Amino acid sequence: MKYIVTSFFILAIILSPYISKAQSTNIACVDLKRVIVESEQGKQIQKNLMDEQERMKKTIDSKQDELQKLKDAIEKQAATITPEARAEKEKQYQNKLKDYQRLAGDYQSELQQKEGEYMQKILTEIEDIIKTIGEKEKYTIILEKNQGGILYSTPSVDITNKIIASFNEAAKKKTPAVKK
């Protein structure tokens, strides 16, 4: 029994410097998704993407209307035109349908590419802000709240609001990062 107590005492003495260092560790977490959604640049990116999506939707809708009109014309003329003429009109319809589908796919890819480019740029800028705050306030580690596997953190370690404010302030000091 004396041996066990003595061992714990010696172990406590040996580990005491490490325990005191662990207590001085300064940890924080950030919700990047919230920073992107609530920051001015993030809102501008969302607006730009929505405007672009609306523009593309108008073009797609007009092509869809064209297709519907062509299909209706084919159905109305079905009884009055020759089988060869009908086959030609159906071939035109199929070609326009393929063009429509290709255009819709191209627009979707273009929109995803733009979103990726915007997100990459904004994440790089946010990362710089986080590094600056981390160095300034002497954080040992700053974790991403949602992707980092953090299931719970006290609100006192969440610096998301501070990051949003700094990010917005930095954006005001320079030219707008996101343009149409």
C-alpha atoms as a PDB file:
ATOM      1  CA  MET A   1       0.000   0.000   0.000  1.00  0.00           C
ATOM      2  CA  LYS A   2       2.856   2.372   0.876  1.00  0.00           C
ATOM      3  CA  TYR A   3       4.410   1.538  -2.482  1.00  0.00           C
ATOM      4  CA  ILE A   4       1.256   2.590  -4.399  1.00  0.00           C
ATOM      5  CA  VAL A   5       0.886   5.885  -2.493  1.00  0.00           C
ATOM      6  CA  THR A   6       4.576   6.665  -2.985  1.00  0.00           C
ATOM      7  CA  SER A   7       4.288   5.856  -6.715  1.00  0.00           C
ATOM      8  CA  PHE A   8       1.328   8.216  -7.158  1.00  0.00           C
ATOM      9  CA  PHE A   9       3.150  10.951  -5.249  1.00  0.00           C
ATOM     10  CA  ILE A  10       6.260  10.595  -7.438  1.00  0.00           C
ATOM     11  CA  LEU A  11       4.117  10.477 -10.571  1.00  0.00           C
ATOM     12  CA  ALA A  12       2.300  13.665  -9.496  1.00  0.00           C
ATOM     13  CA  ILE A  13       5.620  15.449  -8.959  1.00  0.00           C
ATOM     14  CA  ILE A  14       6.928  14.316 -12.360  1.00  0.00           C
ATOM     15  CA  LEU A  15       3.744  15.314 -14.220  1.00  0.00           C
ATOM     16  CA  SER A  16       3.115  18.615 -12.421  1.00  0.00           C
ATOM     17  CA  PRO A  17       4.985  20.768 -15.018  1.00  0.00           C
ATOM     18  CA  TYR A  18       2.939  19.200 -17.801  1.00  0.00           C
ATOM     19  CA  ILE A  19      -0.317  19.676 -15.940  1.00  0.00           C
ATOM     20  CA  SER A  20       0.410  23.364 -15.342  1.00  0.00           C
ATOM     21  CA  LYS A  21       1.243  23.832 -19.042  1.00  0.00           C
ATOM     22  CA  ALA A  22      -1.987  22.094 -20.056  1.00  0.00           C
ATOM     23  CA  GLN A  23      -3.944  24.510 -17.900  1.00  0.00           C
ATOM     24  CA  SER A  24      -2.517  27.477 -19.799  1.00  0.00           C
ATOM     25  CA  THR A  25      -3.648  26.079 -23.130  1.00  0.00           C
ATOM     26  CA  ASN A  26      -5.988  28.493 -24.880  1.00  0.00           C
ATOM     27  CA  ILE A  27      -8.452  26.759 -27.213  1.00  0.00           C
ATOM     28  CA  ALA A  28     -11.190  28.277 -29.363  1.00  0.00           C
ATOM     29  CA  CYS A  29     -13.601  27.122 -32.045  1.00  0.00           C
ATOM     30  CA  VAL A  30     -15.143  28.805 -35.088  1.00  0.00           C
ATOM     31  CA  ASP A  31     -18.254  27.962 -37.076  1.00  0.00           C
ATOM     32  CA  LEU A  32     -16.986  28.611 -40.630  1.00  0.00           C
ATOM     33  CA  LYS A  33     -20.386  28.012 -42.185  1.00  0.00           C
ATOM     34  CA  ARG A  34     -21.870  30.740 -40.007  1.00  0.00           C
ATOM     35  CA  VAL A  35     -18.999  33.095 -40.858  1.00  0.00           C
ATOM     36  CA  ILE A  36     -19.673  32.592 -44.562  1.00  0.00           C
ATOM     37  CA  VAL A  37     -23.444  32.980 -44.217  1.00  0.00           C
ATOM     38  CA  GLU A  38     -23.412  36.004 -41.890  1.00  0.00           C
ATOM     39  CA  SER A  39     -20.415  37.979 -43.164  1.00  0.00           C
ATOM     40  CA  GLU A  40     -20.878  40.797 -45.662  1.00  0.00           C
ATOM     41  CA  GLN A  41     -18.714  39.064 -48.283  1.00  0.00           C
ATOM     42  CA  GLY A  42     -20.580  35.813 -47.763  1.00  0.00           C
ATOM     43  CA  LYS A  43     -23.903  37.581 -48.256  1.00  0.00           C
ATOM     44  CA  GLN A  44     -22.543  39.246 -51.409  1.00  0.00           C
ATOM     45  CA  ILE A  45     -21.404  35.884 -52.774  1.00  0.00           C
ATOM     46  CA  GLN A  46     -24.837  34.387 -52.138  1.00  0.00           C
ATOM     47  CA  LYS A  47     -26.483  37.360 -53.866  1.00  0.00           C
ATOM     48  CA  ASN A  48     -24.161  37.069 -56.874  1.00  0.00           C
ATOM     49  CA  LEU A  49     -24.795  33.333 -57.147  1.00  0.00           C
ATOM     50  CA  MET A  50     -28.555  33.829 -56.880  1.00  0.00           C
ATOM     51  CA  ASP A  51     -28.459  36.552 -59.570  1.00  0.00           C
ATOM     52  CA  GLU A  52     -26.434  34.276 -61.836  1.00  0.00           C
ATOM     53  CA  GLN A  53     -28.792  31.378 -61.177  1.00  0.00           C
ATOM     54  CA  GLU A  54     -31.808  33.577 -61.992  1.00  0.00           C
ATOM     55  CA  ARG A  55     -30.210  34.727 -65.249  1.00  0.00           C
ATOM     56  CA  MET A  56     -29.502  31.130 -66.233  1.00  0.00           C
ATOM     57  CA  LYS A  57     -33.011  30.064 -65.236  1.00  0.00           C
ATOM     58  CA  LYS A  58     -34.557  32.675 -67.544  1.00  0.00           C
ATOM     59  CA  THR A  59     -32.520  31.368 -70.471  1.00  0.00           C
ATOM     60  CA  ILE A  60     -33.401  27.765 -69.650  1.00  0.00           C
ATOM     61  CA  ASP A  61     -37.086  28.643 -69.268  1.00  0.00           C
ATOM     62  CA  SER A  62     -37.168  30.364 -72.669  1.00  0.00           C
ATOM     63  CA  LYS A  63     -35.559  27.290 -74.277  1.00  0.00           C
ATOM     64  CA  GLN A  64     -38.081  25.083 -72.521  1.00  0.00           C
ATOM     65  CA  ASP A  65     -40.945  27.216 -73.841  1.00  0.00           C
ATOM     66  CA  GLU A  66     -39.505  26.899 -77.357  1.00  0.00           C
ATOM     67  CA  LEU A  67     -39.410  23.131 -76.982  1.00  0.00           C
ATOM     68  CA  GLN A  68     -42.990  23.004 -75.742  1.00  0.00           C
ATOM     69  CA  LYS A  69     -44.207  25.145 -78.661  1.00  0.00           C
ATOM     70  CA  LEU A  70     -42.409  22.908 -81.155  1.00  0.00           C
ATOM     71  CA  LYS A  71     -43.870  19.799 -79.542  1.00  0.00           C
ATOM     72  CA  ASP A  72     -47.382  21.304 -79.588  1.00  0.00           C
ATOM     73  CA  ALA A  73     -46.975  22.252 -83.266  1.00  0.00           C
ATOM     74  CA  ILE A  74     -45.893  18.709 -84.129  1.00  0.00           C
ATOM     75  CA  GLU A  75     -48.906  17.245 -82.318  1.00  0.00           C
ATOM     76  CA  LYS A  76     -51.346  19.678 -84.001  1.00  0.00           C
ATOM     77  CA  GLN A  77     -49.956  18.993 -87.467  1.00  0.00           C
ATOM     78  CA  ALA A  78     -49.671  15.223 -86.958  1.00  0.00           C
ATOM     79  CA  ALA A  79     -52.768  14.405 -88.995  1.00  0.00           C
ATOM     80  CA  THR A  80     -52.177  16.927 -91.780  1.00  0.00           C
ATOM     81  CA  ILE A  81     -48.482  16.446 -92.656  1.00  0.00           C
ATOM     82  CA  THR A  82     -46.708  13.606 -94.386  1.00  0.00           C
ATOM     83  CA  PRO A  83     -44.858  10.994 -92.344  1.00  0.00           C
ATOM     84  CA  GLU A  84     -41.533  12.283 -93.746  1.00  0.00           C
ATOM     85  CA  ALA A  85     -42.310  15.868 -92.691  1.00  0.00           C
ATOM     86  CA  ARG A  86     -43.384  14.631 -89.268  1.00  0.00           C
ATOM     87  CA  ALA A  87     -40.160  12.634 -88.892  1.00  0.00           C
ATOM     88  CA  GLU A  88     -38.153  15.747 -89.843  1.00  0.00           C
ATOM     89  CA  LYS A  89     -39.978  17.883 -87.256  1.00  0.00           C
ATOM     90  CA  GLU A  90     -39.474  15.225 -84.573  1.00  0.00           C
ATOM     91  CA  LYS A  91     -35.782  15.111 -85.453  1.00  0.00           C
ATOM     92  CA  GLN A  92     -35.615  18.901 -85.030  1.00  0.00           C
ATOM     93  CA  TYR A  93     -37.394  18.548 -81.694  1.00  0.00           C
ATOM     94  CA  GLN A  94     -34.930  15.874 -80.508  1.00  0.00           C
ATOM     95  CA  ASN A  95     -31.959  18.041 -81.542  1.00  0.00           C
ATOM     96  CA  LYS A  96     -33.378  21.037 -79.670  1.00  0.00           C
ATOM     97  CA  LEU A  97     -34.085  18.827 -76.656  1.00  0.00           C
ATOM     98  CA  LYS A  98     -30.453  17.663 -76.623  1.00  0.00           C
ATOM     99  CA  ASP A  99     -29.270  21.267 -76.897  1.00  0.00           C
ATOM    100  CA  TYR A 100     -31.570  22.228 -74.029  1.00  0.00           C
ATOM    101  CA  GLN A 101     -30.276  19.386 -71.831  1.00  0.00           C
ATOM    102  CA  ARG A 102     -26.659  20.234 -72.688  1.00  0.00           C
ATOM    103  CA  LEU A 103     -27.241  23.914 -71.900  1.00  0.00           C
ATOM    104  CA  ALA A 104     -28.879  23.060 -68.557  1.00  0.00           C
ATOM    105  CA  GLY A 105     -25.934  20.825 -67.646  1.00  0.00           C
ATOM    106  CA  ASP A 106     -23.418  23.467 -68.717  1.00  0.00           C
ATOM    107  CA  TYR A 107     -25.164  26.116 -66.629  1.00  0.00           C
ATOM    108  CA  GLN A 108     -25.229  23.830 -63.598  1.00  0.00           C
ATOM    109  CA  SER A 109     -21.508  23.089 -63.968  1.00  0.00           C
ATOM    110  CA  GLU A 110     -20.708  26.774 -64.448  1.00  0.00           C
ATOM    111  CA  LEU A 111     -22.665  27.704 -61.333  1.00  0.00           C
ATOM    112  CA  GLN A 112     -20.919  25.031 -59.262  1.00  0.00           C
ATOM    113  CA  GLN A 113     -17.534  26.179 -60.561  1.00  0.00           C
ATOM    114  CA  LYS A 114     -18.251  29.813 -59.653  1.00  0.00           C
ATOM    115  CA  GLU A 115     -19.457  28.800 -56.203  1.00  0.00           C
ATOM    116  CA  GLY A 116     -16.281  26.767 -55.688  1.00  0.00           C
ATOM    117  CA  GLU A 117     -14.089  29.683 -56.769  1.00  0.00           C
ATOM    118  CA  TYR A 118     -15.928  32.119 -54.495  1.00  0.00           C
ATOM    119  CA  MET A 119     -15.768  29.726 -51.544  1.00  0.00           C
ATOM    120  CA  GLN A 120     -12.066  29.045 -52.036  1.00  0.00           C
ATOM    121  CA  LYS A 121     -11.324  32.755 -52.081  1.00  0.00           C
ATOM    122  CA  ILE A 122     -13.468  33.589 -49.053  1.00  0.00           C
ATOM    123  CA  LEU A 123     -12.098  30.640 -47.056  1.00  0.00           C
ATOM    124  CA  THR A 124      -8.543  31.792 -47.730  1.00  0.00           C
ATOM    125  CA  GLU A 125      -9.403  35.267 -46.469  1.00  0.00           C
ATOM    126  CA  ILE A 126     -11.189  33.865 -43.400  1.00  0.00           C
ATOM    127  CA  GLU A 127      -8.198  31.645 -42.666  1.00  0.00           C
ATOM    128  CA  ASP A 128      -5.938  34.720 -42.675  1.00  0.00           C
ATOM    129  CA  ILE A 129      -8.284  36.490 -40.225  1.00  0.00           C
ATOM    130  CA  ILE A 130      -8.331  33.418 -37.962  1.00  0.00           C
ATOM    131  CA  LYS A 131      -4.525  33.219 -37.999  1.00  0.00           C
ATOM    132  CA  THR A 132      -4.259  36.903 -37.139  1.00  0.00           C
ATOM    133  CA  ILE A 133      -6.692  36.601 -34.216  1.00  0.00           C
ATOM    134  CA  GLY A 134      -5.037  33.379 -33.089  1.00  0.00           C
ATOM    135  CA  GLU A 135      -1.604  34.998 -32.952  1.00  0.00           C
ATOM    136  CA  LYS A 136      -2.886  38.256 -31.446  1.00  0.00           C
ATOM    137  CA  GLU A 137      -4.869  36.578 -28.673  1.00  0.00           C
ATOM    138  CA  LYS A 138      -2.349  33.756 -28.169  1.00  0.00           C
ATOM    139  CA  TYR A 139      -4.626  30.808 -28.921  1.00  0.00           C
ATOM    140  CA  THR A 140      -2.892  27.454 -28.822  1.00  0.00           C
ATOM    141  CA  ILE A 141      -5.397  25.941 -31.215  1.00  0.00           C
ATOM    142  CA  ILE A 142      -8.517  27.088 -33.064  1.00  0.00           C
ATOM    143  CA  LEU A 143     -10.827  24.322 -34.264  1.00  0.00           C
ATOM    144  CA  GLU A 144     -13.607  24.351 -36.851  1.00  0.00           C
ATOM    145  CA  LYS A 145     -16.788  23.721 -34.915  1.00  0.00           C
ATOM    146  CA  ASN A 146     -18.772  21.644 -37.416  1.00  0.00           C
ATOM    147  CA  GLN A 147     -16.125  19.751 -39.378  1.00  0.00           C
ATOM    148  CA  GLY A 148     -13.685  19.269 -36.500  1.00  0.00           C
ATOM    149  CA  GLY A 149     -15.788  16.707 -34.716  1.00  0.00           C
ATOM    150  CA  ILE A 150     -16.640  19.047 -31.833  1.00  0.00           C
ATOM    151  CA  LEU A 151     -19.869  17.811 -30.342  1.00  0.00           C
ATOM    152  CA  TYR A 152     -20.009  20.414 -27.598  1.00  0.00           C
ATOM    153  CA  SER A 153     -18.157  23.561 -26.650  1.00  0.00           C
ATOM    154  CA  THR A 154     -18.972  26.267 -24.193  1.00  0.00           C
ATOM    155  CA  PRO A 155     -19.966  29.572 -25.755  1.00  0.00           C
ATOM    156  CA  SER A 156     -16.912  31.186 -24.166  1.00  0.00           C
ATOM    157  CA  VAL A 157     -14.553  29.332 -26.542  1.00  0.00           C
ATOM    158  CA  ASP A 158     -16.618  30.082 -29.661  1.00  0.00           C
ATOM    159  CA  ILE A 159     -14.996  33.060 -31.422  1.00  0.00           C
ATOM    160  CA  THR A 160     -17.247  32.991 -34.496  1.00  0.00           C
ATOM    161  CA  ASN A 161     -18.735  36.432 -33.824  1.00  0.00           C
ATOM    162  CA  LYS A 162     -15.250  37.889 -33.400  1.00  0.00           C
ATOM    163  CA  ILE A 163     -14.157  36.333 -36.724  1.00  0.00           C
ATOM    164  CA  ILE A 164     -17.252  37.699 -38.520  1.00  0.00           C
ATOM    165  CA  ALA A 165     -16.629  41.193 -37.146  1.00  0.00           C
ATOM    166  CA  SER A 166     -12.938  41.116 -38.086  1.00  0.00           C
ATOM    167  CA  PHE A 167     -13.707  39.706 -41.519  1.00  0.00           C
ATOM    168  CA  ASN A 168     -16.300  42.410 -42.194  1.00  0.00           C
ATOM    169  CA  GLU A 169     -13.891  45.093 -40.970  1.00  0.00           C
ATOM    170  CA  ALA A 170     -11.098  43.767 -43.193  1.00  0.00           C
ATOM    171  CA  ALA A 171     -13.470  43.705 -46.181  1.00  0.00           C
ATOM    172  CA  LYS A 172     -14.389  47.341 -45.615  1.00  0.00           C
ATOM    173  CA  LYS A 173     -10.726  48.373 -45.616  1.00  0.00           C
ATOM    174  CA  LYS A 174     -10.056  46.938 -49.061  1.00  0.00           C
ATOM    175  CA  THR A 175     -11.878  46.851 -52.369  1.00  0.00           C
ATOM    176  CA  PRO A 176     -14.764  44.392 -52.630  1.00  0.00           C
ATOM    177  CA  ALA A 177     -13.393  40.868 -53.025  1.00  0.00           C
ATOM    178  CA  VAL A 178     -16.397  39.543 -54.928  1.00  0.00           C
ATOM    179  CA  LYS A 179     -17.604  41.098 -58.153  1.00  0.00           C
ATOM    180  CA  LYS A 180     -20.052  39.899 -60.716  1.00  0.00           C
END
